[in-house]
Amino acid sequence: MKILFILRSVFLIPHFIVFKCCKKHDVLCKDLDSWRRLCPNGNNRSHTYLFFYMMCHFKEFRNLFYLRLGKIKYLLRIFCRPLDSLYLISRNVGPGLFIQHGFSTILGVESMGSNCWINQQVTVGHTEKGRPKIGNNVKIMTGAKVLGNVTIGDNVTIGAGAVIVKDVPPNCVVVGSKAYIVKRDGKKVREEL
């Protein structure tokens, strides 16, 4: 297994050079820090090791890496393909984005803050009214939809299957296909949006 990892890493040397030299190196390092949990002994690994590990094992990370780059990404994608069913449309995405099982996921945001977590089959997309604005430390769970010109506050968790078409205040957990607030500032509530 280690031999295969080493052989695959050789093809990633051009990617690594771009990683070390690009303007968004610090942002990419923060992204890697969010992905550490997936790497055996991740807390004890350097960004160099984590970069090769993530690029070899997680296509979702490849998509995020390519999002951070300029036009050179089109050349690099030839050697290490991203996940075809994960669409990261906006370039205004903060550092520390973690995408768990990015299958069939679309992120078409106006902006997204730092340290967000996205699960599979999530759609964050536009309507004729605009695109969503996502705050910091937001988790969007499996199958959730965030649509239109809405603002999602900081420290929000959007539950699995929730459909969000209205603004969500900070520090909330929202669930349901007609989403409502179940927790605000650490207290259980049931409030309509």
N, C-alpha and C. Protein backbone atom coordinates (compact mmCIF):
# COMPACT_ATOMS: atom_id res chain seq x y z
N MET A 1 0.82 -1.19 0.00
CA MET A 1 0.00 0.00 0.00
C MET A 1 0.87 1.26 0.00
N LYS A 2 1.94 1.25 0.80
CA LYS A 2 2.83 2.42 0.83
C LYS A 2 3.52 2.62 -0.51
N ILE A 3 3.86 1.52 -1.18
CA ILE A 3 4.52 1.63 -2.48
C ILE A 3 3.58 2.29 -3.49
N LEU A 4 2.32 1.88 -3.47
CA LEU A 4 1.34 2.48 -4.37
C LEU A 4 1.17 3.98 -4.08
N PHE A 5 1.15 4.33 -2.81
CA PHE A 5 1.04 5.74 -2.41
C PHE A 5 2.23 6.53 -2.94
N ILE A 6 3.42 5.98 -2.81
CA ILE A 6 4.63 6.66 -3.29
C ILE A 6 4.60 6.81 -4.81
N LEU A 7 4.19 5.76 -5.51
CA LEU A 7 4.12 5.83 -6.97
C LEU A 7 3.09 6.87 -7.43
N ARG A 8 1.94 6.90 -6.78
CA ARG A 8 0.92 7.88 -7.14
C ARG A 8 1.40 9.30 -6.83
N SER A 9 2.17 9.44 -5.77
CA SER A 9 2.66 10.76 -5.37
C SER A 9 3.60 11.37 -6.39
N VAL A 10 4.32 10.53 -7.12
CA VAL A 10 5.25 11.02 -8.14
C VAL A 10 4.50 11.86 -9.18
N PHE A 11 3.30 11.42 -9.55
CA PHE A 11 2.51 12.16 -10.54
C PHE A 11 1.98 13.47 -9.98
N LEU A 12 2.07 13.63 -8.67
CA LEU A 12 1.57 14.85 -8.03
C LEU A 12 2.65 15.90 -7.77
N ILE A 13 3.85 15.65 -8.22
CA ILE A 13 4.92 16.63 -7.99
C ILE A 13 4.59 17.99 -8.62
N PRO A 14 4.06 18.04 -9.85
CA PRO A 14 3.67 19.37 -10.38
C PRO A 14 2.60 20.04 -9.52
N HIS A 15 1.66 19.26 -9.00
CA HIS A 15 0.62 19.79 -8.13
C HIS A 15 1.24 20.36 -6.85
N PHE A 16 2.21 19.64 -6.32
CA PHE A 16 2.85 20.07 -5.08
C PHE A 16 3.62 21.38 -5.28
N ILE A 17 4.28 21.51 -6.42
CA ILE A 17 5.00 22.75 -6.72
C ILE A 17 4.02 23.92 -6.77
N VAL A 18 2.88 23.71 -7.42
CA VAL A 18 1.86 24.76 -7.47
C VAL A 18 1.33 25.05 -6.07
N PHE A 19 1.11 24.00 -5.28
CA PHE A 19 0.64 24.16 -3.90
C PHE A 19 1.59 25.04 -3.09
N LYS A 20 2.88 24.80 -3.22
CA LYS A 20 3.87 25.55 -2.44
C LYS A 20 4.03 26.99 -2.94
N CYS A 21 3.79 27.22 -4.23
CA CYS A 21 4.09 28.53 -4.81
C CYS A 21 2.86 29.41 -5.05
N CYS A 22 1.67 28.87 -4.92
CA CYS A 22 0.49 29.66 -5.29
C CYS A 22 0.17 30.72 -4.24
N LYS A 23 -0.58 31.73 -4.67
CA LYS A 23 -0.96 32.84 -3.79
C LYS A 23 -1.84 32.38 -2.63
N LYS A 24 -2.55 31.30 -2.82
CA LYS A 24 -3.49 30.82 -1.80
C LYS A 24 -2.92 29.68 -0.97
N HIS A 25 -1.61 29.64 -0.84
CA HIS A 25 -0.96 28.57 -0.06
C HIS A 25 -1.49 28.53 1.37
N ASP A 26 -1.62 29.68 2.01
CA ASP A 26 -2.10 29.71 3.40
C ASP A 26 -3.54 29.19 3.51
N VAL A 27 -4.37 29.54 2.54
CA VAL A 27 -5.75 29.05 2.53
C VAL A 27 -5.76 27.54 2.35
N LEU A 28 -4.93 27.03 1.44
CA LEU A 28 -4.85 25.59 1.22
C LEU A 28 -4.36 24.86 2.47
N CYS A 29 -3.45 25.46 3.21
CA CYS A 29 -2.99 24.84 4.47
C CYS A 29 -4.12 24.77 5.48
N LYS A 30 -4.96 25.80 5.53
CA LYS A 30 -6.12 25.76 6.43
C LYS A 30 -7.13 24.71 5.97
N ASP A 31 -7.27 24.55 4.65
CA ASP A 31 -8.11 23.47 4.13
C ASP A 31 -7.57 22.12 4.59
N LEU A 32 -6.27 21.93 4.45
CA LEU A 32 -5.65 20.66 4.88
C LEU A 32 -5.88 20.42 6.37
N ASP A 33 -5.80 21.46 7.17
CA ASP A 33 -6.04 21.30 8.61
C ASP A 33 -7.46 20.78 8.88
N SER A 34 -8.43 21.20 8.07
CA SER A 34 -9.80 20.71 8.24
C SER A 34 -9.94 19.25 7.83
N TRP A 35 -9.08 18.80 6.96
CA TRP A 35 -9.16 17.42 6.46
C TRP A 35 -8.30 16.45 7.27
N ARG A 36 -7.53 16.91 8.23
CA ARG A 36 -6.61 16.06 9.00
C ARG A 36 -7.26 14.82 9.58
N ARG A 37 -8.51 14.94 10.01
CA ARG A 37 -9.19 13.82 10.68
C ARG A 37 -9.28 12.57 9.81
N LEU A 38 -9.15 12.73 8.50
CA LEU A 38 -9.26 11.59 7.59
C LEU A 38 -7.95 10.84 7.41
N CYS A 39 -6.87 11.41 7.89
CA CYS A 39 -5.54 10.83 7.70
C CYS A 39 -5.12 10.10 8.98
N PRO A 40 -4.66 8.84 8.86
CA PRO A 40 -4.15 8.16 10.05
C PRO A 40 -3.03 8.99 10.68
N ASN A 41 -3.12 9.21 11.97
CA ASN A 41 -2.17 10.06 12.70
C ASN A 41 -2.07 11.46 12.09
N GLY A 42 -3.18 11.98 11.61
CA GLY A 42 -3.20 13.26 10.91
C GLY A 42 -2.66 14.42 11.71
N ASN A 43 -2.85 14.41 13.02
CA ASN A 43 -2.36 15.53 13.84
C ASN A 43 -0.85 15.58 13.90
N ASN A 44 -0.20 14.47 13.59
CA ASN A 44 1.26 14.41 13.65
C ASN A 44 1.90 14.55 12.27
N ARG A 45 1.12 14.91 11.26
CA ARG A 45 1.63 14.96 9.89
C ARG A 45 1.84 16.40 9.43
N SER A 46 2.84 16.58 8.57
CA SER A 46 3.13 17.89 7.99
C SER A 46 2.13 18.20 6.88
N HIS A 47 2.06 19.47 6.49
CA HIS A 47 1.20 19.84 5.37
C HIS A 47 1.65 19.16 4.09
N THR A 48 2.94 18.93 3.95
CA THR A 48 3.45 18.24 2.76
C THR A 48 2.87 16.84 2.67
N TYR A 49 2.98 16.08 3.76
CA TYR A 49 2.44 14.71 3.76
C TYR A 49 0.93 14.74 3.55
N LEU A 50 0.25 15.63 4.27
CA LEU A 50 -1.21 15.71 4.15
C LEU A 50 -1.62 16.05 2.72
N PHE A 51 -0.89 16.93 2.05
CA PHE A 51 -1.22 17.28 0.68
C PHE A 51 -1.19 16.04 -0.21
N PHE A 52 -0.10 15.29 -0.16
CA PHE A 52 0.00 14.09 -0.99
C PHE A 52 -1.05 13.06 -0.60
N TYR A 53 -1.29 12.89 0.68
CA TYR A 53 -2.27 11.91 1.16
C TYR A 53 -3.67 12.27 0.66
N MET A 54 -4.06 13.52 0.83
CA MET A 54 -5.41 13.93 0.42
C MET A 54 -5.58 13.87 -1.09
N MET A 55 -4.58 14.30 -1.83
CA MET A 55 -4.68 14.27 -3.29
C MET A 55 -4.75 12.84 -3.82
N CYS A 56 -4.08 11.92 -3.15
CA CYS A 56 -4.11 10.52 -3.57
C CYS A 56 -5.41 9.82 -3.20
N HIS A 57 -5.99 10.16 -2.06
CA HIS A 57 -7.10 9.38 -1.51
C HIS A 57 -8.48 10.02 -1.59
N PHE A 58 -8.57 11.34 -1.75
CA PHE A 58 -9.87 12.01 -1.67
C PHE A 58 -10.09 12.94 -2.86
N LYS A 59 -10.93 12.50 -3.78
CA LYS A 59 -11.23 13.33 -4.95
C LYS A 59 -11.90 14.63 -4.55
N GLU A 60 -12.65 14.62 -3.45
CA GLU A 60 -13.29 15.85 -2.99
C GLU A 60 -12.25 16.91 -2.66
N PHE A 61 -11.13 16.49 -2.07
CA PHE A 61 -10.08 17.45 -1.78
C PHE A 61 -9.47 17.98 -3.08
N ARG A 62 -9.36 17.13 -4.08
CA ARG A 62 -8.83 17.59 -5.37
C ARG A 62 -9.70 18.72 -5.92
N ASN A 63 -11.02 18.54 -5.85
CA ASN A 63 -11.92 19.60 -6.32
C ASN A 63 -11.65 20.91 -5.59
N LEU A 64 -11.49 20.83 -4.28
CA LEU A 64 -11.23 22.03 -3.48
C LEU A 64 -9.88 22.65 -3.86
N PHE A 65 -8.87 21.81 -4.05
CA PHE A 65 -7.55 22.29 -4.46
C PHE A 65 -7.65 23.04 -5.79
N TYR A 66 -8.34 22.45 -6.76
CA TYR A 66 -8.47 23.09 -8.06
C TYR A 66 -9.29 24.38 -7.98
N LEU A 67 -10.26 24.45 -7.08
CA LEU A 67 -11.03 25.67 -6.89
C LEU A 67 -10.13 26.84 -6.51
N ARG A 68 -9.11 26.56 -5.72
CA ARG A 68 -8.23 27.61 -5.20
C ARG A 68 -7.23 28.12 -6.24
N LEU A 69 -7.07 27.40 -7.35
CA LEU A 69 -6.05 27.74 -8.34
C LEU A 69 -6.62 28.60 -9.46
N GLY A 70 -5.74 29.16 -10.25
CA GLY A 70 -6.12 29.89 -11.45
C GLY A 70 -6.27 28.93 -12.62
N LYS A 71 -5.90 29.40 -13.78
CA LYS A 71 -6.09 28.61 -15.00
C LYS A 71 -5.21 27.37 -15.08
N ILE A 72 -4.16 27.32 -14.29
CA ILE A 72 -3.29 26.14 -14.33
C ILE A 72 -4.02 24.87 -13.90
N LYS A 73 -5.15 25.03 -13.23
CA LYS A 73 -5.90 23.86 -12.79
C LYS A 73 -6.32 22.99 -13.97
N TYR A 74 -6.56 23.59 -15.13
CA TYR A 74 -6.99 22.81 -16.28
C TYR A 74 -5.91 21.84 -16.75
N LEU A 75 -4.66 22.23 -16.62
CA LEU A 75 -3.56 21.33 -16.95
C LEU A 75 -3.38 20.26 -15.87
N LEU A 76 -3.42 20.66 -14.62
CA LEU A 76 -3.19 19.72 -13.52
C LEU A 76 -4.28 18.66 -13.43
N ARG A 77 -5.50 19.01 -13.79
CA ARG A 77 -6.62 18.06 -13.72
C ARG A 77 -6.42 16.86 -14.64
N ILE A 78 -5.60 17.01 -15.65
CA ILE A 78 -5.33 15.90 -16.57
C ILE A 78 -4.64 14.76 -15.84
N PHE A 79 -3.76 15.09 -14.91
CA PHE A 79 -2.95 14.09 -14.22
C PHE A 79 -3.62 13.53 -12.97
N CYS A 80 -4.56 14.25 -12.43
CA CYS A 80 -5.21 13.82 -11.19
C CYS A 80 -6.64 14.36 -11.22
N ARG A 81 -7.55 13.50 -11.63
CA ARG A 81 -8.93 13.93 -11.89
C ARG A 81 -9.70 14.23 -10.61
N PRO A 82 -10.54 15.27 -10.67
CA PRO A 82 -11.41 15.57 -9.53
C PRO A 82 -12.65 14.67 -9.55
N LEU A 83 -13.50 14.84 -8.56
CA LEU A 83 -14.77 14.13 -8.50
C LEU A 83 -15.74 14.80 -9.47
N ASP A 84 -16.19 14.04 -10.47
CA ASP A 84 -17.01 14.62 -11.54
C ASP A 84 -18.37 15.12 -11.07
N SER A 85 -18.90 14.56 -10.00
CA SER A 85 -20.25 14.93 -9.57
C SER A 85 -20.27 15.99 -8.47
N LEU A 86 -19.11 16.61 -8.19
CA LEU A 86 -19.01 17.68 -7.21
C LEU A 86 -18.71 18.98 -7.95
N TYR A 87 -19.62 19.94 -7.83
CA TYR A 87 -19.47 21.22 -8.53
C TYR A 87 -19.25 22.34 -7.52
N LEU A 88 -18.07 22.93 -7.57
CA LEU A 88 -17.74 24.09 -6.74
C LEU A 88 -17.69 25.29 -7.67
N ILE A 89 -18.75 26.06 -7.70
CA ILE A 89 -18.91 27.09 -8.71
C ILE A 89 -18.34 28.43 -8.27
N SER A 90 -18.44 28.78 -7.02
CA SER A 90 -17.98 30.08 -6.52
C SER A 90 -16.51 30.03 -6.15
N ARG A 91 -15.81 31.12 -6.42
CA ARG A 91 -14.41 31.22 -5.99
C ARG A 91 -14.30 31.96 -4.65
N ASN A 92 -15.43 32.46 -4.14
CA ASN A 92 -15.43 33.22 -2.90
C ASN A 92 -15.79 32.30 -1.73
N VAL A 93 -14.91 31.33 -1.49
CA VAL A 93 -15.11 30.33 -0.44
C VAL A 93 -13.98 30.46 0.56
N GLY A 94 -14.33 30.63 1.82
CA GLY A 94 -13.33 30.82 2.87
C GLY A 94 -12.48 29.59 3.12
N PRO A 95 -11.42 29.74 3.91
CA PRO A 95 -10.52 28.62 4.20
C PRO A 95 -11.17 27.59 5.13
N GLY A 96 -10.64 26.39 5.08
CA GLY A 96 -11.07 25.35 6.01
C GLY A 96 -12.31 24.59 5.58
N LEU A 97 -12.68 24.66 4.30
CA LEU A 97 -13.86 23.93 3.82
C LEU A 97 -13.58 22.43 3.85
N PHE A 98 -14.51 21.68 4.44
CA PHE A 98 -14.42 20.21 4.48
C PHE A 98 -15.64 19.65 3.76
N ILE A 99 -15.40 18.78 2.79
CA ILE A 99 -16.48 18.17 2.02
C ILE A 99 -16.44 16.67 2.27
N GLN A 100 -17.43 16.18 3.00
CA GLN A 100 -17.48 14.76 3.31
C GLN A 100 -18.41 14.08 2.30
N HIS A 101 -17.89 13.12 1.58
CA HIS A 101 -18.68 12.39 0.57
C HIS A 101 -19.35 13.37 -0.38
N GLY A 102 -18.60 14.06 -1.19
CA GLY A 102 -19.12 15.13 -2.04
C GLY A 102 -19.94 14.70 -3.23
N PHE A 103 -20.33 13.43 -3.29
CA PHE A 103 -21.09 12.93 -4.43
C PHE A 103 -22.37 13.74 -4.64
N SER A 104 -22.60 14.14 -5.86
CA SER A 104 -23.83 14.82 -6.27
C SER A 104 -24.09 16.08 -5.46
N THR A 105 -23.05 16.89 -5.30
CA THR A 105 -23.13 18.11 -4.51
C THR A 105 -22.80 19.32 -5.38
N ILE A 106 -23.58 20.39 -5.20
CA ILE A 106 -23.37 21.63 -5.93
C ILE A 106 -23.26 22.77 -4.93
N LEU A 107 -22.16 23.53 -5.02
CA LEU A 107 -21.98 24.72 -4.18
C LEU A 107 -21.86 25.93 -5.10
N GLY A 108 -22.97 26.60 -5.30
CA GLY A 108 -22.99 27.81 -6.11
C GLY A 108 -23.33 29.00 -5.24
N VAL A 109 -22.43 29.35 -4.36
CA VAL A 109 -22.69 30.40 -3.37
C VAL A 109 -22.21 31.76 -3.86
N GLU A 110 -22.81 32.80 -3.30
CA GLU A 110 -22.28 34.16 -3.47
C GLU A 110 -20.99 34.27 -2.67
N SER A 111 -21.05 33.76 -1.43
CA SER A 111 -19.87 33.71 -0.57
C SER A 111 -20.08 32.64 0.49
N MET A 112 -18.97 32.12 0.99
CA MET A 112 -19.00 31.12 2.05
C MET A 112 -17.87 31.44 3.01
N GLY A 113 -18.18 31.47 4.29
CA GLY A 113 -17.19 31.79 5.31
C GLY A 113 -16.19 30.67 5.54
N SER A 114 -15.48 30.76 6.63
CA SER A 114 -14.43 29.78 6.93
C SER A 114 -14.98 28.61 7.74
N ASN A 115 -14.26 27.50 7.66
CA ASN A 115 -14.50 26.29 8.46
C ASN A 115 -15.90 25.73 8.29
N CYS A 116 -16.36 25.63 7.06
CA CYS A 116 -17.67 25.05 6.78
C CYS A 116 -17.53 23.56 6.47
N TRP A 117 -18.61 22.83 6.66
CA TRP A 117 -18.65 21.38 6.46
C TRP A 117 -19.84 21.08 5.56
N ILE A 118 -19.59 20.38 4.46
CA ILE A 118 -20.64 20.05 3.49
C ILE A 118 -20.68 18.53 3.32
N ASN A 119 -21.88 17.95 3.37
CA ASN A 119 -22.06 16.52 3.14
C ASN A 119 -22.54 16.25 1.71
N GLN A 120 -22.82 14.98 1.43
CA GLN A 120 -23.20 14.57 0.08
C GLN A 120 -24.62 15.00 -0.28
N GLN A 121 -24.84 15.11 -1.57
CA GLN A 121 -26.13 15.43 -2.17
C GLN A 121 -26.70 16.75 -1.67
N VAL A 122 -25.84 17.69 -1.40
CA VAL A 122 -26.23 19.03 -0.97
C VAL A 122 -26.30 19.94 -2.20
N THR A 123 -27.31 20.78 -2.24
CA THR A 123 -27.40 21.81 -3.27
C THR A 123 -27.47 23.16 -2.60
N VAL A 124 -26.50 23.99 -2.89
CA VAL A 124 -26.52 25.39 -2.47
C VAL A 124 -26.48 26.17 -3.78
N GLY A 125 -27.65 26.68 -4.18
CA GLY A 125 -27.71 27.22 -5.52
C GLY A 125 -28.55 28.47 -5.66
N HIS A 126 -28.49 29.02 -6.86
CA HIS A 126 -29.14 30.29 -7.14
C HIS A 126 -30.57 30.09 -7.64
N THR A 127 -31.32 31.13 -7.50
CA THR A 127 -32.61 31.29 -8.17
C THR A 127 -32.51 32.62 -8.92
N GLU A 128 -33.61 33.04 -9.51
CA GLU A 128 -33.58 34.33 -10.21
C GLU A 128 -33.34 35.49 -9.25
N LYS A 129 -33.52 35.26 -7.95
CA LYS A 129 -33.32 36.32 -6.94
C LYS A 129 -31.88 36.44 -6.46
N GLY A 130 -31.04 35.45 -6.75
CA GLY A 130 -29.64 35.53 -6.35
C GLY A 130 -29.11 34.23 -5.78
N ARG A 131 -27.92 34.33 -5.18
CA ARG A 131 -27.21 33.17 -4.62
C ARG A 131 -27.13 33.28 -3.09
N PRO A 132 -27.02 32.14 -2.42
CA PRO A 132 -26.90 32.15 -0.95
C PRO A 132 -25.56 32.71 -0.47
N LYS A 133 -25.61 33.31 0.71
CA LYS A 133 -24.41 33.76 1.43
C LYS A 133 -24.34 32.93 2.70
N ILE A 134 -23.25 32.20 2.85
CA ILE A 134 -23.08 31.26 3.96
C ILE A 134 -22.05 31.83 4.93
N GLY A 135 -22.36 31.81 6.22
CA GLY A 135 -21.46 32.35 7.24
C GLY A 135 -20.33 31.40 7.60
N ASN A 136 -19.67 31.66 8.71
CA ASN A 136 -18.56 30.83 9.21
C ASN A 136 -19.10 29.66 10.04
N ASN A 137 -18.35 28.57 10.04
CA ASN A 137 -18.65 27.40 10.88
C ASN A 137 -20.04 26.85 10.63
N VAL A 138 -20.43 26.76 9.37
CA VAL A 138 -21.74 26.25 9.00
C VAL A 138 -21.60 24.80 8.55
N LYS A 139 -22.50 23.94 9.04
CA LYS A 139 -22.56 22.54 8.60
C LYS A 139 -23.84 22.36 7.80
N ILE A 140 -23.70 21.81 6.60
CA ILE A 140 -24.87 21.51 5.77
C ILE A 140 -24.87 20.00 5.56
N MET A 141 -25.86 19.34 6.16
CA MET A 141 -25.88 17.89 6.21
C MET A 141 -26.51 17.29 4.94
N THR A 142 -26.48 15.98 4.86
CA THR A 142 -26.86 15.21 3.69
C THR A 142 -28.20 15.63 3.09
N GLY A 143 -28.18 15.89 1.80
CA GLY A 143 -29.40 16.15 1.05
C GLY A 143 -30.06 17.49 1.28
N ALA A 144 -29.45 18.36 2.04
CA ALA A 144 -30.05 19.67 2.31
C ALA A 144 -29.97 20.56 1.08
N LYS A 145 -30.91 21.48 0.98
CA LYS A 145 -30.96 22.44 -0.12
C LYS A 145 -31.03 23.85 0.46
N VAL A 146 -30.17 24.72 -0.03
CA VAL A 146 -30.18 26.13 0.34
C VAL A 146 -30.29 26.90 -0.96
N LEU A 147 -31.41 27.59 -1.15
CA LEU A 147 -31.73 28.13 -2.47
C LEU A 147 -32.04 29.61 -2.44
N GLY A 148 -31.48 30.33 -3.40
CA GLY A 148 -31.83 31.73 -3.60
C GLY A 148 -30.99 32.70 -2.81
N ASN A 149 -31.44 33.94 -2.80
CA ASN A 149 -30.73 35.03 -2.15
C ASN A 149 -31.02 35.01 -0.65
N VAL A 150 -30.45 34.02 0.06
CA VAL A 150 -30.64 33.89 1.50
C VAL A 150 -29.30 34.04 2.19
N THR A 151 -29.35 34.40 3.46
CA THR A 151 -28.14 34.51 4.27
C THR A 151 -28.23 33.49 5.40
N ILE A 152 -27.19 32.68 5.52
CA ILE A 152 -27.09 31.70 6.60
C ILE A 152 -26.07 32.25 7.59
N GLY A 153 -26.50 32.45 8.83
CA GLY A 153 -25.63 33.04 9.84
C GLY A 153 -24.50 32.12 10.27
N ASP A 154 -23.61 32.64 11.09
CA ASP A 154 -22.49 31.86 11.62
C ASP A 154 -22.98 30.78 12.57
N ASN A 155 -22.22 29.69 12.65
CA ASN A 155 -22.46 28.60 13.61
C ASN A 155 -23.84 27.97 13.44
N VAL A 156 -24.24 27.76 12.21
CA VAL A 156 -25.54 27.15 11.91
C VAL A 156 -25.31 25.72 11.43
N THR A 157 -26.19 24.80 11.86
CA THR A 157 -26.23 23.45 11.31
C THR A 157 -27.55 23.30 10.59
N ILE A 158 -27.48 22.92 9.32
CA ILE A 158 -28.67 22.67 8.52
C ILE A 158 -28.82 21.16 8.43
N GLY A 159 -29.90 20.63 9.00
CA GLY A 159 -30.10 19.19 9.10
C GLY A 159 -30.32 18.52 7.77
N ALA A 160 -30.19 17.20 7.78
CA ALA A 160 -30.35 16.39 6.58
C ALA A 160 -31.72 16.60 5.96
N GLY A 161 -31.73 16.84 4.66
CA GLY A 161 -32.97 16.99 3.92
C GLY A 161 -33.68 18.32 4.08
N ALA A 162 -33.14 19.23 4.85
CA ALA A 162 -33.80 20.53 5.05
C ALA A 162 -33.79 21.33 3.75
N VAL A 163 -34.83 22.12 3.56
CA VAL A 163 -34.92 23.02 2.42
C VAL A 163 -35.00 24.44 2.96
N ILE A 164 -33.99 25.23 2.63
CA ILE A 164 -33.87 26.59 3.17
C ILE A 164 -34.11 27.59 2.04
N VAL A 165 -35.14 28.41 2.20
CA VAL A 165 -35.44 29.45 1.21
C VAL A 165 -35.60 30.82 1.89
N LYS A 166 -35.32 30.87 3.19
CA LYS A 166 -35.36 32.13 3.95
C LYS A 166 -34.08 32.24 4.77
N ASP A 167 -33.78 33.46 5.21
CA ASP A 167 -32.58 33.69 6.03
C ASP A 167 -32.63 32.87 7.32
N VAL A 168 -31.44 32.43 7.76
CA VAL A 168 -31.30 31.70 9.03
C VAL A 168 -30.38 32.52 9.93
N PRO A 169 -30.83 32.87 11.14
CA PRO A 169 -29.99 33.66 12.04
C PRO A 169 -28.82 32.84 12.57
N PRO A 170 -27.83 33.48 13.16
CA PRO A 170 -26.67 32.76 13.70
C PRO A 170 -27.05 31.83 14.86
N ASN A 171 -26.17 30.86 15.10
CA ASN A 171 -26.25 29.97 16.27
C ASN A 171 -27.53 29.16 16.32
N CYS A 172 -27.92 28.59 15.17
CA CYS A 172 -29.16 27.82 15.09
C CYS A 172 -28.89 26.44 14.50
N VAL A 173 -29.80 25.51 14.83
CA VAL A 173 -29.89 24.23 14.15
C VAL A 173 -31.25 24.23 13.48
N VAL A 174 -31.29 24.02 12.17
CA VAL A 174 -32.56 24.01 11.44
C VAL A 174 -32.77 22.66 10.78
N VAL A 175 -34.03 22.19 10.80
CA VAL A 175 -34.37 20.89 10.22
C VAL A 175 -35.69 21.01 9.50
N GLY A 176 -36.03 20.01 8.73
CA GLY A 176 -37.33 19.92 8.08
C GLY A 176 -37.32 20.43 6.67
N SER A 177 -38.27 19.91 5.90
CA SER A 177 -38.35 20.37 4.52
C SER A 177 -38.92 21.78 4.46
N LYS A 178 -39.74 22.14 5.45
CA LYS A 178 -40.03 23.55 5.67
C LYS A 178 -39.27 23.88 6.94
N ALA A 179 -38.10 24.38 6.77
CA ALA A 179 -37.16 24.52 7.89
C ALA A 179 -37.69 25.46 8.96
N TYR A 180 -37.40 25.09 10.19
CA TYR A 180 -37.70 25.92 11.35
C TYR A 180 -36.55 25.79 12.33
N ILE A 181 -36.45 26.73 13.23
CA ILE A 181 -35.35 26.75 14.20
C ILE A 181 -35.70 25.85 15.37
N VAL A 182 -34.80 24.94 15.72
CA VAL A 182 -35.01 24.05 16.87
C VAL A 182 -34.07 24.38 18.02
N LYS A 183 -33.06 25.18 17.74
CA LYS A 183 -32.11 25.55 18.79
C LYS A 183 -31.56 26.93 18.47
N ARG A 184 -31.59 27.82 19.45
CA ARG A 184 -31.06 29.17 19.27
C ARG A 184 -30.24 29.51 20.51
N ASP A 185 -28.98 29.88 20.27
CA ASP A 185 -28.08 30.25 21.37
C ASP A 185 -28.05 29.19 22.47
N GLY A 186 -28.05 27.91 22.06
CA GLY A 186 -27.93 26.81 23.02
C GLY A 186 -29.23 26.39 23.68
N LYS A 187 -30.35 27.03 23.38
CA LYS A 187 -31.63 26.70 24.02
C LYS A 187 -32.57 26.09 22.98
N LYS A 188 -33.31 25.04 23.40
CA LYS A 188 -34.29 24.42 22.51
C LYS A 188 -35.46 25.36 22.30
N VAL A 189 -35.81 25.53 21.02
CA VAL A 189 -36.95 26.38 20.65
C VAL A 189 -37.65 25.74 19.45
N ARG A 190 -38.80 26.23 19.11
CA ARG A 190 -39.46 25.86 17.86
C ARG A 190 -40.02 27.16 17.28
N GLU A 191 -39.26 27.73 16.33
CA GLU A 191 -39.63 29.01 15.74
C GLU A 191 -39.64 28.89 14.23
N GLU A 192 -40.63 29.49 13.63
CA GLU A 192 -40.69 29.55 12.18
C GLU A 192 -39.65 30.56 11.69
N LEU A 193 -39.14 30.35 10.50
CA LEU A 193 -38.21 31.32 9.91
C LEU A 193 -38.97 32.49 9.34
